[in-house]
Protein backbone atom coordinates (compact mmCIF):
# COMPACT_ATOMS: atom_id res chain seq x y z
CA UNK A 1 -6.01 18.04 21.14
CA UNK A 2 -2.61 16.35 21.03
CA UNK A 3 -1.94 13.14 22.93
CA UNK A 4 1.15 11.87 24.67
CA UNK A 5 1.64 9.32 21.90
CA UNK A 6 1.46 11.88 19.06
CA UNK A 7 3.84 14.28 20.87
CA UNK A 8 6.26 11.42 21.41
CA UNK A 9 6.16 10.51 17.73
CA UNK A 10 6.75 14.13 16.68
CA UNK A 11 9.80 14.40 18.93
CA UNK A 12 11.23 11.23 17.42
CA UNK A 13 10.60 12.43 13.87
CA UNK A 14 12.32 15.75 14.61
CA UNK A 15 15.28 13.90 16.08
CA UNK A 16 15.67 11.84 12.91
CA UNK A 17 15.55 14.93 10.69
CA UNK A 18 18.35 16.49 12.77
CA UNK A 19 20.36 13.28 12.53
CA UNK A 20 19.95 13.21 8.74
CA UNK A 21 21.32 16.76 8.47
CA UNK A 22 24.23 16.01 10.78
CA UNK A 23 25.23 12.86 8.91
CA UNK A 24 26.12 14.82 5.79
CA UNK A 25 29.16 16.33 7.51
CA UNK A 26 30.41 13.17 9.23
CA UNK A 27 33.01 10.61 8.09
CA UNK A 28 31.82 7.11 7.09
CA UNK A 29 32.74 5.45 10.39
CA UNK A 30 30.79 8.01 12.40
CA UNK A 31 27.80 7.59 10.10
CA UNK A 32 27.79 3.86 10.71
CA UNK A 33 27.93 4.31 14.49
CA UNK A 34 25.13 6.88 14.51
CA UNK A 35 22.86 4.79 12.29
CA UNK A 36 23.38 1.83 14.59
CA UNK A 37 22.30 3.99 17.52
CA UNK A 38 19.32 5.49 15.66
CA UNK A 39 17.83 2.07 15.04
CA UNK A 40 17.52 1.64 18.78
CA UNK A 41 16.13 5.04 19.71
CA UNK A 42 12.47 4.06 19.68
CA UNK A 43 11.42 4.78 16.09
CA UNK A 44 10.43 1.14 15.85
CA UNK A 45 6.83 -0.03 16.22
CA UNK A 46 5.84 -1.42 19.63
CA UNK A 47 7.77 -4.50 20.67
CA UNK A 48 5.66 -7.49 19.76
CA UNK A 49 5.39 -11.19 20.26
CA UNK A 50 3.70 -11.69 16.89
CA UNK A 51 3.38 -15.20 15.52
CA UNK A 52 6.20 -15.99 13.08
CA UNK A 53 3.92 -16.17 10.05
CA UNK A 54 1.32 -13.47 10.61
CA UNK A 55 0.05 -11.89 7.37
CA UNK A 56 1.13 -8.30 6.65
CA UNK A 57 -0.02 -7.80 3.04
CA UNK A 58 -1.85 -9.65 0.29
CA UNK A 59 -3.34 -9.37 -3.17
CA UNK A 60 -5.71 -11.46 -5.27
CA UNK A 61 -5.27 -11.67 -9.04
CA UNK A 62 -7.70 -13.07 -11.61
CA UNK A 63 -7.35 -16.66 -12.77
CA UNK A 64 -7.29 -18.07 -9.20
CA UNK A 65 -3.88 -16.63 -8.31
CA UNK A 66 -2.87 -14.55 -5.31
CA UNK A 67 -0.09 -13.93 -2.83
CA UNK A 68 0.22 -13.33 0.90
CA UNK A 69 3.28 -11.78 2.50
CA UNK A 70 3.83 -12.76 6.12
CA UNK A 71 6.43 -11.61 8.61
CA UNK A 72 8.87 -14.24 7.35
CA UNK A 73 7.55 -15.75 4.11
CA UNK A 74 6.00 -14.96 0.75
CA UNK A 75 3.23 -17.38 -0.15
CA UNK A 76 1.75 -17.89 -3.62
CA UNK A 77 -1.45 -19.72 -4.54
CA UNK A 78 -2.70 -20.60 -8.00
CA UNK A 79 -5.90 -22.32 -6.90
CA UNK A 80 -7.81 -19.72 -4.87
CA UNK A 81 -5.96 -20.55 -1.66
CA UNK A 82 -6.42 -24.31 -1.83
CA UNK A 83 -2.65 -24.79 -1.68
CA UNK A 84 0.32 -22.52 -1.08
CA UNK A 85 3.99 -22.42 -2.02
CA UNK A 86 6.63 -20.50 -0.07
CA UNK A 87 8.45 -18.58 -2.80
CA UNK A 88 10.61 -16.25 -0.70
CA UNK A 89 14.13 -16.01 -2.22
CA UNK A 90 16.53 -17.80 0.16
CA UNK A 91 18.89 -14.81 0.22
CA UNK A 92 16.21 -12.42 1.51
CA UNK A 93 16.12 -12.18 5.29
CA UNK A 94 12.84 -12.28 7.21
CA UNK A 95 11.53 -8.77 7.65
CA UNK A 96 13.61 -7.34 4.80
CA UNK A 97 10.76 -7.33 2.27
CA UNK A 98 9.24 -3.86 1.84
CA UNK A 99 6.84 -4.46 -1.04
CA UNK A 100 5.60 -7.08 -3.50
CA UNK A 101 3.86 -6.96 -6.87
CA UNK A 102 2.67 -9.78 -9.12
CA UNK A 103 1.53 -8.99 -12.64
CA UNK A 104 0.10 -12.50 -12.98
CA UNK A 105 0.68 -15.93 -11.47
CA UNK A 106 4.19 -16.25 -12.93
CA UNK A 107 5.70 -12.77 -13.04
CA UNK A 108 6.42 -10.88 -9.86
CA UNK A 109 8.78 -8.49 -8.11
CA UNK A 110 9.96 -8.09 -4.52
CA UNK A 111 11.42 -4.85 -3.16
CA UNK A 112 13.67 -5.48 -0.16
CA UNK A 113 16.51 -4.16 1.96
CA UNK A 114 19.94 -5.24 0.83
CA UNK A 115 22.92 -5.85 3.15
CA UNK A 116 24.10 -2.76 5.03
CA UNK A 117 27.29 -1.39 3.50
CA UNK A 118 30.54 -0.36 5.19
CA UNK A 119 29.27 3.15 5.96
CA UNK A 120 26.12 1.87 7.67
CA UNK A 121 23.75 2.69 4.81
CA UNK A 122 21.11 0.24 3.64
CA UNK A 123 20.47 -0.18 -0.11
CA UNK A 124 17.19 -1.03 -1.79
CA UNK A 125 17.15 -4.02 -4.14
CA UNK A 126 14.60 -5.64 -6.41
CA UNK A 127 14.07 -9.33 -7.02
CA UNK A 128 12.13 -10.62 -10.02
CA UNK A 129 10.74 -13.98 -11.04
CA UNK A 130 9.23 -15.20 -14.29
CA UNK A 131 8.40 -18.73 -13.12
CA UNK A 132 6.13 -18.25 -10.09
CA UNK A 133 8.98 -17.91 -7.62
CA UNK A 134 10.99 -20.99 -8.55
CA UNK A 135 13.95 -18.79 -9.46
CA UNK A 136 14.77 -15.16 -8.69
CA UNK A 137 17.17 -12.49 -10.00
CA UNK A 138 18.44 -9.61 -7.85
CA UNK A 139 19.08 -6.04 -9.09
CA UNK A 140 20.05 -2.81 -7.26
CA UNK A 141 17.74 0.20 -7.10
CA UNK A 142 19.54 3.53 -6.88
CA UNK A 143 22.28 4.29 -4.36
CA UNK A 144 22.05 3.73 -0.59
CA UNK A 145 20.76 6.89 1.07
CA UNK A 146 20.61 8.34 4.57
CA UNK A 147 16.90 9.13 4.23
CA UNK A 148 16.00 5.55 3.37
CA UNK A 149 18.31 4.04 5.99
CA UNK A 150 16.58 6.11 8.67
CA UNK A 151 13.20 4.89 7.38
CA UNK A 152 13.84 1.15 7.56
CA UNK A 153 10.38 0.58 8.95
CA UNK A 154 8.84 2.26 5.92
CA UNK A 155 7.42 0.55 2.87
CA UNK A 156 8.06 0.29 -0.84
CA UNK A 157 5.28 0.25 -3.43
CA UNK A 158 6.06 -1.45 -6.77
CA UNK A 159 3.70 -1.26 -9.77
CA UNK A 160 4.02 -2.73 -13.28
CA UNK A 161 1.87 -2.22 -16.37
CA UNK A 162 3.57 -5.02 -18.32
CA UNK A 163 6.64 -7.24 -18.14
CA UNK A 164 9.00 -4.38 -18.95
CA UNK A 165 7.60 -1.12 -17.56
CA UNK A 166 7.30 -0.54 -13.85
CA UNK A 167 7.81 1.88 -10.98
CA UNK A 168 8.57 1.66 -7.29
CA UNK A 169 8.03 4.29 -4.61
CA UNK A 170 10.40 3.95 -1.66
CA UNK A 171 9.31 5.67 1.55
CA UNK A 172 11.94 7.89 3.15
CA UNK A 173 12.18 9.49 6.57
CA UNK A 174 9.81 12.41 7.21
CA UNK A 175 7.58 13.85 9.92
CA UNK A 176 3.91 13.01 10.38
CA UNK A 177 3.04 16.23 8.55
CA UNK A 178 4.72 15.13 5.33
CA UNK A 179 4.77 12.12 3.03
CA UNK A 180 8.16 11.74 1.37
CA UNK A 181 9.54 9.12 -0.96
CA UNK A 182 11.75 8.36 -3.94
CA UNK A 183 10.38 7.14 -7.27
CA UNK A 184 12.30 4.79 -9.56
CA UNK A 185 11.28 3.68 -13.06
CA UNK A 186 12.33 0.65 -15.11
CA UNK A 187 11.87 -0.07 -18.81
CA UNK A 188 13.63 -3.44 -18.82
CA UNK A 189 11.64 -5.45 -16.31
CA UNK A 190 13.55 -4.30 -13.25
CA UNK A 191 17.13 -4.94 -14.38
CA UNK A 192 17.91 -1.21 -14.22
CA UNK A 193 16.12 1.65 -12.47
CA UNK A 194 16.19 5.39 -13.10
CA UNK A 195 15.22 7.90 -10.43
CA UNK A 196 12.22 10.12 -11.21
CA UNK A 197 10.40 12.80 -9.24
CA UNK A 198 7.34 12.30 -7.05
CA UNK A 199 5.38 14.70 -4.82
CA UNK A 200 4.22 12.04 -2.32
CA UNK A 201 5.71 8.93 -0.80
CA UNK A 202 2.59 6.88 -1.60
CA UNK A 203 1.70 4.02 -4.00
CA UNK A 204 1.50 4.91 -7.69
CA UNK A 205 -0.69 3.41 -10.39
CA UNK A 206 -0.35 3.74 -14.15
CA UNK A 207 -2.62 3.27 -17.14
CA UNK A 208 0.31 2.85 -19.54
CA UNK A 209 3.97 3.77 -19.86
CA UNK A 210 3.30 7.50 -19.44
CA UNK A 211 0.00 8.20 -17.65
CA UNK A 212 -0.18 7.62 -13.91
CA UNK A 213 -1.36 8.98 -10.58
CA UNK A 214 -0.46 9.15 -6.91
CA UNK A 215 -2.84 10.14 -4.13
CA UNK A 216 -2.73 10.46 -0.36
CA UNK A 217 -0.52 12.67 1.75
CA UNK A 218 -0.59 13.08 5.54
CA UNK A 219 -4.42 13.17 5.61
CA UNK A 220 -5.08 11.51 2.26
CA UNK A 221 -6.73 14.43 0.49
CA UNK A 222 -4.41 15.32 -2.41
CA UNK A 223 -4.00 13.80 -5.87
CA UNK A 224 -1.31 14.23 -8.54
CA UNK A 225 -1.00 12.95 -12.12
CA UNK A 226 1.88 12.43 -14.53
CA UNK A 227 1.84 12.11 -18.31
CA UNK A 228 5.54 11.48 -18.87
CA UNK A 229 6.16 8.35 -16.83
CA UNK A 230 6.91 10.15 -13.59
CA UNK A 231 9.37 12.78 -14.81
CA UNK A 232 6.95 15.54 -13.79
CA UNK A 233 3.66 15.78 -11.89
CA UNK A 234 0.71 18.19 -11.74
CA UNK A 235 -1.75 18.54 -8.88
CA UNK A 236 -5.38 17.64 -9.55
CA UNK A 237 -8.21 19.97 -8.60
CA UNK A 238 -11.12 17.62 -7.87
CA UNK A 239 -14.60 18.92 -7.08
CA UNK A 240 -16.18 17.78 -3.81
CA UNK A 241 -19.86 16.74 -4.05
CA UNK A 242 -22.23 19.47 -2.85
CA UNK A 243 -23.99 17.24 -0.33
CA UNK A 244 -20.71 16.44 1.46
CA UNK A 245 -18.86 19.70 0.79
CA UNK A 246 -18.02 20.16 4.48
CA UNK A 247 -16.74 16.61 4.92
CA UNK A 248 -13.18 15.40 5.22
CA UNK A 249 -12.14 13.61 2.02
CA UNK A 250 -9.71 10.76 1.62
CA UNK A 251 -8.62 9.47 -1.79
CA UNK A 252 -7.47 5.92 -2.44
CA UNK A 253 -5.02 4.66 -5.05
CA UNK A 254 -6.68 4.76 -8.49
CA UNK A 255 -7.14 1.65 -10.61
CA UNK A 256 -6.75 1.72 -14.39
CA UNK A 257 -8.37 -0.63 -16.88
CA UNK A 258 -8.48 -1.09 -20.65
CA UNK A 259 -9.37 1.72 -23.06
CA UNK A 260 -7.76 4.30 -20.71
CA UNK A 261 -10.61 3.99 -18.22
CA UNK A 262 -9.97 4.28 -14.51
CA UNK A 263 -11.51 4.74 -11.09
CA UNK A 264 -10.38 6.93 -8.18
CA UNK A 265 -12.16 5.79 -4.97
CA UNK A 266 -12.95 8.42 -2.35
CA UNK A 267 -14.48 8.46 1.11
CA UNK A 268 -16.16 11.59 2.48
CA UNK A 269 -16.52 11.73 6.26
CA UNK A 270 -18.78 14.03 8.22
CA UNK A 271 -21.06 12.59 10.87
CA UNK A 272 -21.32 9.58 8.54
CA UNK A 273 -18.94 8.23 5.91
CA UNK A 274 -19.97 8.23 2.28
CA UNK A 275 -18.10 6.20 -0.32
CA UNK A 276 -17.91 7.19 -3.96
CA UNK A 277 -15.52 7.48 -6.85
CA UNK A 278 -14.32 9.60 -9.73
CA UNK A 279 -13.98 8.09 -13.20
CA UNK A 280 -11.65 8.83 -16.10
CA UNK A 281 -11.77 7.83 -19.75
CA UNK A 282 -8.53 9.53 -20.78
CA UNK A 283 -5.93 7.79 -18.57
CA UNK A 284 -6.29 10.31 -15.75
CA UNK A 285 -6.11 13.58 -17.64
CA UNK A 286 -9.59 14.42 -16.34
CA UNK A 287 -11.82 12.96 -13.64
CA UNK A 288 -15.60 13.16 -13.17
CA UNK A 289 -17.66 12.29 -10.14
CA UNK A 290 -19.80 9.18 -10.66
CA UNK A 291 -23.53 9.85 -11.27
CA UNK A 292 -24.39 8.88 -7.70
CA UNK A 293 -22.17 9.87 -4.79
CA UNK A 294 -22.61 6.45 -3.19
CA UNK A 295 -24.14 4.98 -0.07
CA UNK A 296 -23.73 6.64 3.32
CA UNK A 297 -22.36 4.10 5.77
CA UNK A 298 -22.98 4.12 9.52
CA UNK A 299 -19.36 4.75 10.41
CA UNK A 300 -17.66 7.73 11.94
CA UNK A 301 -14.51 8.58 9.99
CA UNK A 302 -13.01 8.47 6.52
CA UNK A 303 -10.75 5.64 7.64
CA UNK A 304 -13.74 3.41 8.37
CA UNK A 305 -14.14 2.16 4.80
CA UNK A 306 -11.62 0.26 2.67
CA UNK A 307 -12.45 0.38 -1.07
CA UNK A 308 -11.30 -1.73 -4.03
CA UNK A 309 -12.20 -1.45 -7.72
CA UNK A 310 -12.80 -4.55 -9.83
CA UNK A 311 -13.36 -2.78 -13.14
CA UNK A 312 -14.26 0.71 -14.34
CA UNK A 313 -17.87 0.27 -13.14
CA UNK A 314 -17.53 -1.94 -10.05
CA UNK A 315 -16.41 -0.83 -6.59
CA UNK A 316 -16.55 -2.59 -3.23
CA UNK A 317 -16.03 -0.78 0.10
CA UNK A 318 -15.73 -2.81 3.30
CA UNK A 319 -16.19 -1.30 6.76
CA UNK A 320 -13.03 -1.58 8.85
CA UNK A 321 -15.04 -3.07 11.70
CA UNK A 322 -16.07 -5.88 9.33
CA UNK A 323 -19.78 -5.24 9.79
CA UNK A 324 -20.84 -4.18 6.29
CA UNK A 325 -19.98 -3.96 2.60
CA UNK A 326 -21.13 -1.34 0.10
CA UNK A 327 -20.92 -1.86 -3.64
CA UNK A 328 -21.89 -0.68 -7.10
CA UNK A 329 -21.63 -2.66 -10.33
CA UNK A 330 -23.03 -0.04 -12.72
CA UNK A 331 -20.74 2.94 -12.35
CA UNK A 332 -22.46 4.35 -9.27
CA UNK A 333 -26.00 4.50 -10.68
CA UNK A 334 -27.10 2.08 -7.97
CA UNK A 335 -25.51 1.11 -4.66
CA UNK A 336 -26.13 -1.84 -2.36
CA UNK A 337 -25.30 -2.05 1.35
CA UNK A 338 -25.20 -5.44 3.04
CA UNK A 339 -24.33 -6.78 6.47
CA UNK A 340 -21.41 -9.20 6.41
CA UNK A 341 -21.02 -12.53 8.15
CA UNK A 342 -17.77 -14.01 9.43
CA UNK A 343 -15.56 -10.94 8.95
CA UNK A 344 -14.02 -9.57 12.17
CA UNK A 345 -12.93 -6.02 12.85
CA UNK A 346 -9.50 -4.76 11.89
CA UNK A 347 -9.90 -4.76 8.09
CA UNK A 348 -6.94 -2.87 6.58
CA UNK A 349 -7.05 -4.00 2.94
CA UNK A 350 -9.41 -5.67 0.48
CA UNK A 351 -8.78 -7.12 -2.98
CA UNK A 352 -11.49 -8.39 -5.32
CA UNK A 353 -10.57 -10.30 -8.48
CA UNK A 354 -14.18 -10.63 -9.68
CA UNK A 355 -17.59 -9.33 -8.64
CA UNK A 356 -17.91 -12.39 -6.40
CA UNK A 357 -14.41 -13.34 -5.25
CA UNK A 358 -12.31 -11.29 -2.87
CA UNK A 359 -9.90 -11.28 0.05
CA UNK A 360 -9.67 -9.09 3.13
CA UNK A 361 -6.62 -8.57 5.33
CA UNK A 362 -7.51 -8.30 9.01
CA UNK A 363 -4.90 -7.20 11.54
CA UNK A 364 -5.59 -7.13 15.26
CA UNK A 365 -3.20 -5.87 17.94
CA UNK A 366 -3.28 -6.20 21.72
CA UNK A 367 -0.90 -4.63 24.25
CA UNK A 368 -0.77 -5.55 27.94
CA UNK A 369 0.48 -2.02 28.66
CA UNK A 370 1.31 1.07 26.62
CA UNK A 371 3.61 -0.17 23.81
CA UNK A 372 4.64 -3.15 25.95
CA UNK A 373 4.01 -6.88 25.64
CA UNK A 374 2.15 -6.35 22.36
CA UNK A 375 1.03 -9.00 19.94
CA UNK A 376 -0.26 -8.53 16.40
CA UNK A 377 -2.03 -11.09 14.27
CA UNK A 378 -2.71 -10.77 10.57
CA UNK A 379 -5.18 -13.07 8.85
CA UNK A 380 -6.66 -13.25 5.37
CA UNK A 381 -10.38 -13.87 4.88
CA UNK A 382 -12.03 -14.90 1.62
CA UNK A 383 -15.47 -14.39 0.09
CA UNK A 384 -17.06 -16.00 -2.95
CA UNK A 385 -20.47 -14.31 -2.80
CA UNK A 386 -19.63 -10.67 -3.30
CA UNK A 387 -18.63 -9.98 0.29
CA UNK A 388 -21.69 -11.19 2.17
CA UNK A 389 -19.98 -14.14 3.89
CA UNK A 390 -16.31 -14.58 4.75
CA UNK A 391 -14.13 -17.45 5.96
CA UNK A 392 -10.55 -17.45 7.21
CA UNK A 393 -8.07 -18.54 4.56
CA UNK A 394 -5.68 -21.27 5.67
CA UNK A 395 -2.22 -20.27 4.46
CA UNK A 396 -0.21 -23.01 6.14
């Protein structure tokens, strides 16, 4: 049954598609005026009074390094969160950052909005650092487009396999029934970008320069692979386990490791949610269900678990309400379910760097009335015992 909120969103999405078609035939000045008006038509998230430094994304790398993006800063730690440095490039405005990726503690990339041009279109730019954010270089990504300008509240998803080879997916305007995006590839560390094809506007992951995958879609149940660096894609046909064949399935971004091994996490939701994964040993050319489907969690939808792979045999899945964690360290042969302590509800992302150390991003929102007087708070919590106990990470 549809709700007033979903109907409202659909009407807005349809409006933006009509605007995009109309813009093609208009002169530059008219385009600029219309885009200015579109930004105020209600496609924005609820008006908020969020704290100026609330966390919106994070990732934890091995060797004690990690980063946290807030609403107005980019923070980097190299000592497990003991101290933080604000490494946001001075030229990047607060709220302009759409995605961040760090290959290690020193080498990272920011994808952000550039200044709006004379016709009202917003370009996408990349910033890169090789010295842990002390200095940054800026490079353009593609040409400013109507689809991206209308999707300013969308995200960008960068991914690098080494210092030279990387990709970024830029979300573009679409309806709730579609997931659209543009894919760009670099072979020189982000100095130049070439547009590729992509079937979904979702994060990509790659095992090497050629073999990669993208999963998701409107309900998260499709997966595609490429073996030519993103020039072409083929849809995967993945078998659903017999014991959950009637369940809704949601795939999560695969992780690739050495020797072409990889893991594709999946959550199957019926009356209970079951977490499992598919494994590959040929860089994603074929995928096989792990020996054991995983542990059934006492939750009621596929969105109630947030998984993260540490290596080709180790997977953690945290309940979004913060109540439990489910894990395997032997490729799914055995699973363990534990109650957590200190982790509140609102878990939207988890990142484990080892079998003991991990972070969780928790976002809570409160509105005094429907989409009015709202406040959102994002916090990062850390564990050092495999997810059993968590403490809030001080980032300031």
